């Protein structure tokens, strides 16, 4: 049987690299800001932008604001913003909520 010749990888071996990989990095491991649009349950990547050397809340808010303005100029209506739960991302959301909502 083929299963005897080529055993299936274990959950640890298969899941480890996928769970440890950071999707929002390019091939040179530079961090990227991923902007996605979700419409009717289907998502698409709108843009992948380099983040630069600064990773503080003000820098993140500036990049997000620039991208949100571009989306609005393209005709999109922004209904919400989702980030991860890092402290600087929470602060960036609060900064943007004062400007946009």
PDB file of N, CA and C in Angstrom:
ATOM      1  N   UNK A   1       0.833  -1.184   0.000  1.00  0.00           N
ATOM      2  CA  UNK A   1       0.000   0.000   0.000  1.00  0.00           C
ATOM      3  C   UNK A   1       0.881   1.253   0.000  1.00  0.00           C
ATOM      4  N   UNK A   2       0.369   2.308  -0.573  1.00  0.00           N
ATOM      5  CA  UNK A   2       1.103   3.567  -0.625  1.00  0.00           C
ATOM      6  C   UNK A   2       1.260   4.153   0.766  1.00  0.00           C
ATOM      7  N   UNK A   3       0.257   3.975   1.628  1.00  0.00           N
ATOM      8  CA  UNK A   3       0.329   4.518   2.983  1.00  0.00           C
ATOM      9  C   UNK A   3       1.467   3.899   3.770  1.00  0.00           C
ATOM     10  N   UNK A   4       1.807   2.643   3.470  1.00  0.00           N
ATOM     11  CA  UNK A   4       2.916   1.996   4.167  1.00  0.00           C
ATOM     12  C   UNK A   4       4.260   2.532   3.681  1.00  0.00           C
ATOM     13  N   UNK A   5       4.331   2.915   2.434  1.00  0.00           N
ATOM     14  CA  UNK A   5       5.583   3.407   1.877  1.00  0.00           C
ATOM     15  C   UNK A   5       5.817   4.865   2.270  1.00  0.00           C
ATOM     16  N   UNK A   6       4.778   5.685   2.156  1.00  0.00           N
ATOM     17  CA  UNK A   6       4.878   7.105   2.467  1.00  0.00           C
ATOM     18  C   UNK A   6       3.941   7.439   3.621  1.00  0.00           C
ATOM     19  N   UNK A   7       4.415   7.315   4.864  1.00  0.00           N
ATOM     20  CA  UNK A   7       3.520   7.605   5.995  1.00  0.00           C
ATOM     21  C   UNK A   7       3.162   9.092   6.054  1.00  0.00           C
ATOM     22  N   UNK A   8       1.976   9.367   6.548  1.00  0.00           N
ATOM     23  CA  UNK A   8       1.535  10.751   6.699  1.00  0.00           C
ATOM     24  C   UNK A   8       2.346  11.449   7.777  1.00  0.00           C
ATOM     25  N   UNK A   9       2.652  12.732   7.609  1.00  0.00           N
ATOM     26  CA  UNK A   9       3.392  13.460   8.651  1.00  0.00           C
ATOM     27  C   UNK A   9       2.538  13.618   9.908  1.00  0.00           C
ATOM     28  N   UNK A  10       3.207  13.700  11.035  1.00  0.00           N
ATOM     29  CA  UNK A  10       2.484  13.882  12.293  1.00  0.00           C
ATOM     30  C   UNK A  10       1.905  15.285  12.357  1.00  0.00           C
ATOM     31  N   UNK A  11       0.961  15.461  13.263  1.00  0.00           N
ATOM     32  CA  UNK A  11       0.331  16.774  13.433  1.00  0.00           C
ATOM     33  C   UNK A  11       1.369  17.813  13.846  1.00  0.00           C
ATOM     34  N   UNK A  12       2.303  17.414  14.723  1.00  0.00           N
ATOM     35  CA  UNK A  12       3.332  18.348  15.186  1.00  0.00           C
ATOM     36  C   UNK A  12       4.247  18.767  14.037  1.00  0.00           C
ATOM     37  N   UNK A  13       4.650  17.804  13.226  1.00  0.00           N
ATOM     38  CA  UNK A  13       5.546  18.112  12.114  1.00  0.00           C
ATOM     39  C   UNK A  13       4.850  18.970  11.060  1.00  0.00           C
ATOM     40  N   UNK A  14       3.598  18.678  10.765  1.00  0.00           N
ATOM     41  CA  UNK A  14       2.872  19.419   9.744  1.00  0.00           C
ATOM     42  C   UNK A  14       2.418  20.784  10.242  1.00  0.00           C
ATOM     43  N   UNK A  15       1.943  20.861  11.483  1.00  0.00           N
ATOM     44  CA  UNK A  15       1.388  22.109  12.003  1.00  0.00           C
ATOM     45  C   UNK A  15       2.426  23.113  12.445  1.00  0.00           C
ATOM     46  N   UNK A  16       3.581  22.665  12.904  1.00  0.00           N
ATOM     47  CA  UNK A  16       4.600  23.569  13.424  1.00  0.00           C
ATOM     48  C   UNK A  16       5.016  24.671  12.471  1.00  0.00           C
ATOM     49  N   UNK A  17       5.511  24.328  11.269  1.00  0.00           N
ATOM     50  CA  UNK A  17       5.945  25.388  10.342  1.00  0.00           C
ATOM     51  C   UNK A  17       4.821  26.323   9.920  1.00  0.00           C
ATOM     52  N   UNK A  18       3.615  25.783   9.744  1.00  0.00           N
ATOM     53  CA  UNK A  18       2.503  26.630   9.318  1.00  0.00           C
ATOM     54  C   UNK A  18       2.070  27.572  10.428  1.00  0.00           C
ATOM     55  N   UNK A  19       2.055  27.084  11.657  1.00  0.00           N
ATOM     56  CA  UNK A  19       1.623  27.924  12.769  1.00  0.00           C
ATOM     57  C   UNK A  19       2.688  28.932  13.167  1.00  0.00           C
ATOM     58  N   UNK A  20       3.960  28.606  12.953  1.00  0.00           N
ATOM     59  CA  UNK A  20       5.048  29.508  13.323  1.00  0.00           C
ATOM     60  C   UNK A  20       5.351  30.543  12.243  1.00  0.00           C
ATOM     61  N   UNK A  21       4.887  30.332  11.020  1.00  0.00           N
ATOM     62  CA  UNK A  21       5.197  31.244   9.917  1.00  0.00           C
ATOM     63  C   UNK A  21       4.427  32.547  10.073  1.00  0.00           C
ATOM     64  N   UNK A  22       5.091  33.640   9.745  1.00  0.00           N
ATOM     65  CA  UNK A  22       4.443  34.946   9.751  1.00  0.00           C
ATOM     66  C   UNK A  22       4.082  35.279   8.310  1.00  0.00           C
ATOM     67  N   UNK A  23       2.813  35.311   8.010  1.00  0.00           N
ATOM     68  CA  UNK A  23       2.357  35.518   6.641  1.00  0.00           C
ATOM     69  C   UNK A  23       2.701  36.911   6.152  1.00  0.00           C
ATOM     70  N   UNK A  24       2.737  37.877   7.054  1.00  0.00           N
ATOM     71  CA  UNK A  24       2.918  39.262   6.640  1.00  0.00           C
ATOM     72  C   UNK A  24       4.382  39.670   6.638  1.00  0.00           C
ATOM     73  N   UNK A  25       5.223  38.831   6.027  1.00  0.00           N
ATOM     74  CA  UNK A  25       6.624  39.155   5.788  1.00  0.00           C
ATOM     75  C   UNK A  25       6.935  38.807   4.341  1.00  0.00           C
ATOM     76  N   UNK A  26       7.835  39.578   3.744  1.00  0.00           N
ATOM     77  CA  UNK A  26       8.240  39.222   2.390  1.00  0.00           C
ATOM     78  C   UNK A  26       9.411  38.251   2.462  1.00  0.00           C
ATOM     79  N   UNK A  27       9.997  37.935   1.327  1.00  0.00           N
ATOM     80  CA  UNK A  27      11.039  36.921   1.291  1.00  0.00           C
ATOM     81  C   UNK A  27      12.293  37.341   2.063  1.00  0.00           C
ATOM     82  N   UNK A  28      12.528  38.634   2.207  1.00  0.00           N
ATOM     83  CA  UNK A  28      13.677  39.111   2.978  1.00  0.00           C
ATOM     84  C   UNK A  28      13.317  39.353   4.445  1.00  0.00           C
ATOM     85  N   UNK A  29      12.167  38.846   4.875  1.00  0.00           N
ATOM     86  CA  UNK A  29      11.684  38.906   6.259  1.00  0.00           C
ATOM     87  C   UNK A  29      11.395  40.329   6.738  1.00  0.00           C
ATOM     88  N   UNK A  30      11.132  41.231   5.816  1.00  0.00           N
ATOM     89  CA  UNK A  30      10.711  42.584   6.190  1.00  0.00           C
ATOM     90  C   UNK A  30       9.215  42.542   6.480  1.00  0.00           C
ATOM     91  N   UNK A  31       8.799  43.193   7.543  1.00  0.00           N
ATOM     92  CA  UNK A  31       7.392  43.176   7.930  1.00  0.00           C
ATOM     93  C   UNK A  31       6.551  43.987   6.957  1.00  0.00           C
ATOM     94  N   UNK A  32       5.315  43.533   6.763  1.00  0.00           N
ATOM     95  CA  UNK A  32       4.392  44.177   5.837  1.00  0.00           C
ATOM     96  C   UNK A  32       3.087  44.496   6.545  1.00  0.00           C
ATOM     97  N   UNK A  33       2.455  45.579   6.120  1.00  0.00           N
ATOM     98  CA  UNK A  33       1.112  45.904   6.574  1.00  0.00           C
ATOM     99  C   UNK A  33       0.154  45.316   5.550  1.00  0.00           C
ATOM    100  N   UNK A  34      -0.630  44.337   5.965  1.00  0.00           N
ATOM    101  CA  UNK A  34      -1.578  43.689   5.068  1.00  0.00           C
ATOM    102  C   UNK A  34      -2.945  44.330   5.184  1.00  0.00           C
ATOM    103  N   UNK A  35      -3.469  44.840   4.091  1.00  0.00           N
ATOM    104  CA  UNK A  35      -4.802  45.451   4.062  1.00  0.00           C
ATOM    105  C   UNK A  35      -5.717  44.529   3.285  1.00  0.00           C
ATOM    106  N   UNK A  36      -6.778  44.075   3.937  1.00  0.00           N
ATOM    107  CA  UNK A  36      -7.706  43.157   3.299  1.00  0.00           C
ATOM    108  C   UNK A  36      -9.103  43.736   3.279  1.00  0.00           C
ATOM    109  N   UNK A  37      -9.852  43.369   2.261  1.00  0.00           N
ATOM    110  CA  UNK A  37     -11.266  43.712   2.165  1.00  0.00           C
ATOM    111  C   UNK A  37     -12.063  42.425   2.278  1.00  0.00           C
ATOM    112  N   UNK A  38     -13.118  42.449   3.068  1.00  0.00           N
ATOM    113  CA  UNK A  38     -13.995  41.291   3.195  1.00  0.00           C
ATOM    114  C   UNK A  38     -15.392  41.727   2.793  1.00  0.00           C
ATOM    115  N   UNK A  39     -15.909  41.099   1.759  1.00  0.00           N
ATOM    116  CA  UNK A  39     -17.237  41.416   1.241  1.00  0.00           C
ATOM    117  C   UNK A  39     -18.045  40.131   1.144  1.00  0.00           C
ATOM    118  N   UNK A  40     -19.171  40.093   1.820  1.00  0.00           N
ATOM    119  CA  UNK A  40     -20.085  38.958   1.750  1.00  0.00           C
ATOM    120  C   UNK A  40     -19.389  37.637   2.065  1.00  0.00           C
ATOM    121  N   UNK A  41     -18.484  37.652   3.034  1.00  0.00           N
ATOM    122  CA  UNK A  41     -17.802  36.442   3.461  1.00  0.00           C
ATOM    123  C   UNK A  41     -16.590  36.063   2.635  1.00  0.00           C
ATOM    124  N   UNK A  42     -16.274  36.796   1.606  1.00  0.00           N
ATOM    125  CA  UNK A  42     -15.110  36.513   0.769  1.00  0.00           C
ATOM    126  C   UNK A  42     -14.073  37.607   0.988  1.00  0.00           C
ATOM    127  N   UNK A  43     -12.844  37.195   1.269  1.00  0.00           N
ATOM    128  CA  UNK A  43     -11.784  38.166   1.522  1.00  0.00           C
ATOM    129  C   UNK A  43     -10.814  38.264   0.365  1.00  0.00           C
ATOM    130  N   UNK A  44     -10.225  39.438   0.223  1.00  0.00           N
ATOM    131  CA  UNK A  44      -9.176  39.639  -0.772  1.00  0.00           C
ATOM    132  C   UNK A  44      -8.127  40.577  -0.197  1.00  0.00           C
ATOM    133  N   UNK A  45      -6.897  40.394  -0.600  1.00  0.00           N
ATOM    134  CA  UNK A  45      -5.828  41.283  -0.167  1.00  0.00           C
ATOM    135  C   UNK A  45      -5.853  42.524  -1.043  1.00  0.00           C
ATOM    136  N   UNK A  46      -6.036  43.668  -0.409  1.00  0.00           N
ATOM    137  CA  UNK A  46      -6.116  44.948  -1.127  1.00  0.00           C
ATOM    138  C   UNK A  46      -4.718  45.507  -1.375  1.00  0.00           C
ATOM    139  N   UNK A  47      -3.838  45.400  -0.366  1.00  0.00           N
ATOM    140  CA  UNK A  47      -2.478  45.927  -0.507  1.00  0.00           C
ATOM    141  C   UNK A  47      -1.568  45.291   0.533  1.00  0.00           C
ATOM    142  N   UNK A  48      -0.295  45.183   0.208  1.00  0.00           N
ATOM    143  CA  UNK A  48       0.757  44.781   1.141  1.00  0.00           C
ATOM    144  C   UNK A  48       1.814  45.874   1.105  1.00  0.00           C
ATOM    145  N   UNK A  49       1.970  46.571   2.211  1.00  0.00           N
ATOM    146  CA  UNK A  49       2.871  47.718   2.264  1.00  0.00           C
ATOM    147  C   UNK A  49       4.009  47.468   3.242  1.00  0.00           C
ATOM    148  N   UNK A  50       5.236  47.892   2.916  1.00  0.00           N
ATOM    149  CA  UNK A  50       6.330  47.775   3.886  1.00  0.00           C
ATOM    150  C   UNK A  50       6.074  48.685   5.082  1.00  0.00           C
ATOM    151  N   UNK A  51       6.403  48.205   6.278  1.00  0.00           N
ATOM    152  CA  UNK A  51       6.108  48.977   7.483  1.00  0.00           C
ATOM    153  C   UNK A  51       7.192  49.968   7.840  1.00  0.00           C
ATOM    154  N   UNK A  52       8.419  49.736   7.436  1.00  0.00           N
ATOM    155  CA  UNK A  52       9.504  50.633   7.802  1.00  0.00           C
ATOM    156  C   UNK A  52      10.062  50.287   9.175  1.00  0.00           C
ATOM    157  N   UNK A  53      10.988  51.101   9.674  1.00  0.00           N
ATOM    158  CA  UNK A  53      11.657  50.775  10.935  1.00  0.00           C
ATOM    159  C   UNK A  53      10.810  51.039  12.181  1.00  0.00           C
ATOM    160  N   UNK A  54       9.803  51.901  12.088  1.00  0.00           N
ATOM    161  CA  UNK A  54       9.002  52.246  13.269  1.00  0.00           C
ATOM    162  C   UNK A  54       7.807  51.307  13.394  1.00  0.00           C
ATOM    163  N   UNK A  55       7.580  50.828  14.624  1.00  0.00           N
ATOM    164  CA  UNK A  55       6.459  49.931  14.883  1.00  0.00           C
ATOM    165  C   UNK A  55       5.607  50.452  16.035  1.00  0.00           C
ATOM    166  N   UNK A  56       5.659  51.755  16.299  1.00  0.00           N
ATOM    167  CA  UNK A  56       4.864  52.327  17.384  1.00  0.00           C
ATOM    168  C   UNK A  56       3.460  52.644  16.874  1.00  0.00           C
ATOM    169  N   UNK A  57       2.569  53.005  17.798  1.00  0.00           N
ATOM    170  CA  UNK A  57       1.162  53.225  17.466  1.00  0.00           C
ATOM    171  C   UNK A  57       0.964  54.370  16.481  1.00  0.00           C
ATOM    172  N   UNK A  58       1.743  55.427  16.624  1.00  0.00           N
ATOM    173  CA  UNK A  58       1.576  56.579  15.735  1.00  0.00           C
ATOM    174  C   UNK A  58       1.961  56.207  14.304  1.00  0.00           C
ATOM    175  N   UNK A  59       3.048  55.453  14.145  1.00  0.00           N
ATOM    176  CA  UNK A  59       3.464  55.025  12.806  1.00  0.00           C
ATOM    177  C   UNK A  59       2.423  54.096  12.184  1.00  0.00           C
ATOM    178  N   UNK A  60       1.887  53.180  12.978  1.00  0.00           N
ATOM    179  CA  UNK A  60       0.858  52.264  12.472  1.00  0.00           C
ATOM    180  C   UNK A  60      -0.394  53.037  12.091  1.00  0.00           C
ATOM    181  N   UNK A  61      -0.796  53.991  12.932  1.00  0.00           N
ATOM    182  CA  UNK A  61      -1.989  54.794  12.638  1.00  0.00           C
ATOM    183  C   UNK A  61      -1.794  55.616  11.364  1.00  0.00           C
ATOM    184  N   UNK A  62      -0.594  56.166  11.163  1.00  0.00           N
ATOM    185  CA  UNK A  62      -0.325  56.946   9.947  1.00  0.00           C
ATOM    186  C   UNK A  62      -0.449  56.080   8.700  1.00  0.00           C
ATOM    187  N   UNK A  63       0.123  54.865   8.758  1.00  0.00           N
ATOM    188  CA  UNK A  63       0.039  53.973   7.603  1.00  0.00           C
ATOM    189  C   UNK A  63      -1.398  53.529   7.350  1.00  0.00           C
ATOM    190  N   UNK A  64      -2.109  53.200   8.422  1.00  0.00           N
ATOM    191  CA  UNK A  64      -3.496  52.771   8.260  1.00  0.00           C
ATOM    192  C   UNK A  64      -4.361  53.910   7.733  1.00  0.00           C
ATOM    193  N   UNK A  65      -4.120  55.127   8.222  1.00  0.00           N
ATOM    194  CA  UNK A  65      -4.894  56.282   7.760  1.00  0.00           C
ATOM    195  C   UNK A  65      -4.662  56.524   6.269  1.00  0.00           C
ATOM    196  N   UNK A  66      -3.417  56.434   5.834  1.00  0.00           N
ATOM    197  CA  UNK A  66      -3.097  56.621   4.421  1.00  0.00           C
ATOM    198  C   UNK A  66      -3.828  55.580   3.571  1.00  0.00           C
ATOM    199  N   UNK A  67      -3.818  54.329   4.025  1.00  0.00           N
ATOM    200  CA  UNK A  67      -4.482  53.270   3.269  1.00  0.00           C
ATOM    201  C   UNK A  67      -5.999  53.432   3.296  1.00  0.00           C
ATOM    202  N   UNK A  68      -6.557  53.842   4.440  1.00  0.00           N
ATOM    203  CA  UNK A  68      -8.006  54.038   4.531  1.00  0.00           C
ATOM    204  C   UNK A  68      -8.459  55.184   3.630  1.00  0.00           C
ATOM    205  N   UNK A  69      -7.678  56.246   3.551  1.00  0.00           N
ATOM    206  CA  UNK A  69      -8.013  57.355   2.655  1.00  0.00           C
ATOM    207  C   UNK A  69      -7.955  56.911   1.194  1.00  0.00           C
ATOM    208  N   UNK A  70      -6.965  56.073   0.864  1.00  0.00           N
ATOM    209  CA  UNK A  70      -6.868  55.549  -0.501  1.00  0.00           C
ATOM    210  C   UNK A  70      -8.088  54.691  -0.818  1.00  0.00           C
ATOM    211  N   UNK A  71      -8.507  53.860   0.127  1.00  0.00           N
ATOM    212  CA  UNK A  71      -9.689  53.019  -0.092  1.00  0.00           C
ATOM    213  C   UNK A  71     -10.935  53.873  -0.296  1.00  0.00           C
ATOM    214  N   UNK A  72     -11.071  54.924   0.513  1.00  0.00           N
ATOM    215  CA  UNK A  72     -12.230  55.801   0.367  1.00  0.00           C
ATOM    216  C   UNK A  72     -12.203  56.535  -0.972  1.00  0.00           C
ATOM    217  N   UNK A  73     -11.023  56.954  -1.411  1.00  0.00           N
ATOM    218  CA  UNK A  73     -10.905  57.614  -2.716  1.00  0.00           C
ATOM    219  C   UNK A  73     -11.236  56.664  -3.865  1.00  0.00           C
ATOM    220  N   UNK A  74     -11.000  55.361  -3.648  1.00  0.00           N
ATOM    221  CA  UNK A  74     -11.341  54.355  -4.657  1.00  0.00           C
ATOM    222  C   UNK A  74     -12.822  53.989  -4.632  1.00  0.00           C
ATOM    223  N   UNK A  75     -13.565  54.567  -3.677  1.00  0.00           N
ATOM    224  CA  UNK A  75     -15.006  54.334  -3.631  1.00  0.00           C
ATOM    225  C   UNK A  75     -15.481  53.329  -2.603  1.00  0.00           C
ATOM    226  N   UNK A  76     -14.589  52.796  -1.776  1.00  0.00           N
ATOM    227  CA  UNK A  76     -14.983  51.830  -0.758  1.00  0.00           C
ATOM    228  C   UNK A  76     -15.535  52.556   0.462  1.00  0.00           C
ATOM    229  N   UNK A  77     -16.545  51.975   1.075  1.00  0.00           N
ATOM    230  CA  UNK A  77     -17.084  52.484   2.335  1.00  0.00           C
ATOM    231  C   UNK A  77     -16.542  51.584   3.438  1.00  0.00           C
ATOM    232  N   UNK A  78     -15.781  52.154   4.350  1.00  0.00           N
ATOM    233  CA  UNK A  78     -15.142  51.377   5.412  1.00  0.00           C
ATOM    234  C   UNK A  78     -16.131  51.218   6.556  1.00  0.00           C
ATOM    235  N   UNK A  79     -16.457  49.974   6.868  1.00  0.00           N
ATOM    236  CA  UNK A  79     -17.407  49.693   7.941  1.00  0.00           C
ATOM    237  C   UNK A  79     -16.739  49.291   9.235  1.00  0.00           C
ATOM    238  N   UNK A  80     -15.474  48.921   9.197  1.00  0.00           N
ATOM    239  CA  UNK A  80     -14.770  48.520  10.407  1.00  0.00           C
ATOM    240  C   UNK A  80     -13.303  48.289  10.118  1.00  0.00           C
ATOM    241  N   UNK A  81     -12.520  48.257  11.179  1.00  0.00           N
ATOM    242  CA  UNK A  81     -11.083  48.027  11.092  1.00  0.00           C
ATOM    243  C   UNK A  81     -10.739  46.938  12.091  1.00  0.00           C
ATOM    244  N   UNK A  82      -9.968  45.955  11.661  1.00  0.00           N
ATOM    245  CA  UNK A  82      -9.565  44.850  12.528  1.00  0.00           C
ATOM    246  C   UNK A  82      -8.046  44.790  12.548  1.00  0.00           C
ATOM    247  N   UNK A  83      -7.477  44.714  13.749  1.00  0.00           N
ATOM    248  CA  UNK A  83      -6.032  44.525  13.910  1.00  0.00           C
ATOM    249  C   UNK A  83      -5.817  43.399  14.903  1.00  0.00           C
ATOM    250  N   UNK A  84      -4.554  43.071  15.150  1.00  0.00           N
ATOM    251  CA  UNK A  84      -4.300  42.091  16.201  1.00  0.00           C
ATOM    252  C   UNK A  84      -4.388  42.780  17.559  1.00  0.00           C
ATOM    253  N   UNK A  85      -4.122  42.036  18.621  1.00  0.00           N
ATOM    254  CA  UNK A  85      -4.336  42.580  19.963  1.00  0.00           C
ATOM    255  C   UNK A  85      -3.079  43.162  20.604  1.00  0.00           C
ATOM    256  N   UNK A  86      -2.076  43.502  19.820  1.00  0.00           N
ATOM    257  CA  UNK A  86      -0.881  44.138  20.375  1.00  0.00           C
ATOM    258  C   UNK A  86      -1.228  45.534  20.877  1.00  0.00           C
ATOM    259  N   UNK A  87      -0.506  45.999  21.880  1.00  0.00           N
ATOM    260  CA  UNK A  87      -0.794  47.289  22.490  1.00  0.00           C
ATOM    261  C   UNK A  87      -0.723  48.449  21.523  1.00  0.00           C
ATOM    262  N   UNK A  88       0.293  48.448  20.651  1.00  0.00           N
ATOM    263  CA  UNK A  88       0.421  49.554  19.710  1.00  0.00           C
ATOM    264  C   UNK A  88      -0.703  49.529  18.676  1.00  0.00           C
ATOM    265  N   UNK A  89      -1.217  48.357  18.350  1.00  0.00           N
ATOM    266  CA  UNK A  89      -2.349  48.281  17.408  1.00  0.00           C
ATOM    267  C   UNK A  89      -3.627  48.795  18.061  1.00  0.00           C
ATOM    268  N   UNK A  90      -3.822  48.492  19.341  1.00  0.00           N
ATOM    269  CA  UNK A  90      -5.001  49.006  20.051  1.00  0.00           C
ATOM    270  C   UNK A  90      -4.954  50.529  20.123  1.00  0.00           C
ATOM    271  N   UNK A  91      -3.778  51.074  20.385  1.00  0.00           N
ATOM    272  CA  UNK A  91      -3.651  52.531  20.438  1.00  0.00           C
ATOM    273  C   UNK A  91      -3.863  53.152  19.059  1.00  0.00           C
ATOM    274  N   UNK A  92      -3.363  52.502  18.014  1.00  0.00           N
ATOM    275  CA  UNK A  92      -3.575  53.002  16.648  1.00  0.00           C
ATOM    276  C   UNK A  92      -5.064  53.014  16.313  1.00  0.00           C
ATOM    277  N   UNK A  93      -5.801  51.987  16.741  1.00  0.00           N
ATOM    278  CA  UNK A  93      -7.255  51.970  16.509  1.00  0.00           C
ATOM    279  C   UNK A  93      -7.936  53.129  17.216  1.00  0.00           C
ATOM    280  N   UNK A  94      -7.503  53.418  18.449  1.00  0.00           N
ATOM    281  CA  UNK A  94      -8.102  54.543  19.183  1.00  0.00           C
ATOM    282  C   UNK A  94      -7.793  55.874  18.499  1.00  0.00           C
ATOM    283  N   UNK A  95      -6.585  56.034  17.994  1.00  0.00           N
ATOM    284  CA  UNK A  95      -6.222  57.259  17.269  1.00  0.00           C
ATOM    285  C   UNK A  95      -7.099  57.406  16.031  1.00  0.00           C
ATOM    286  N   UNK A  96      -7.268  56.323  15.283  1.00  0.00           N
ATOM    287  CA  UNK A  96      -8.065  56.377  14.056  1.00  0.00           C
ATOM    288  C   UNK A  96      -9.544  56.564  14.340  1.00  0.00           C
ATOM    289  N   UNK A  97     -10.018  56.053  15.468  1.00  0.00           N
ATOM    290  CA  UNK A  97     -11.445  56.206  15.781  1.00  0.00           C
ATOM    291  C   UNK A  97     -11.798  57.670  16.008  1.00  0.00           C
ATOM    292  N   UNK A  98     -10.854  58.462  16.486  1.00  0.00           N
ATOM    293  CA  UNK A  98     -11.105  59.893  16.666  1.00  0.00           C
ATOM    294  C   UNK A  98     -11.196  60.622  15.323  1.00  0.00           C
ATOM    295  N   UNK A  99     -10.514  60.114  14.313  1.00  0.00           N
ATOM    296  CA  UNK A  99     -10.475  60.783  13.009  1.00  0.00           C
ATOM    297  C   UNK A  99     -11.567  60.315  12.053  1.00  0.00           C
ATOM    298  N   UNK A 100     -11.934  59.050  12.131  1.00  0.00           N
ATOM    299  CA  UNK A 100     -12.817  58.486  11.114  1.00  0.00           C
ATOM    300  C   UNK A 100     -14.233  58.210  11.588  1.00  0.00           C
ATOM    301  N   UNK A 101     -14.413  57.895  12.865  1.00  0.00           N
ATOM    302  CA  UNK A 101     -15.747  57.431  13.282  1.00  0.00           C
ATOM    303  C   UNK A 101     -16.343  58.328  14.333  1.00  0.00           C
TER     304      UNK A 101
END
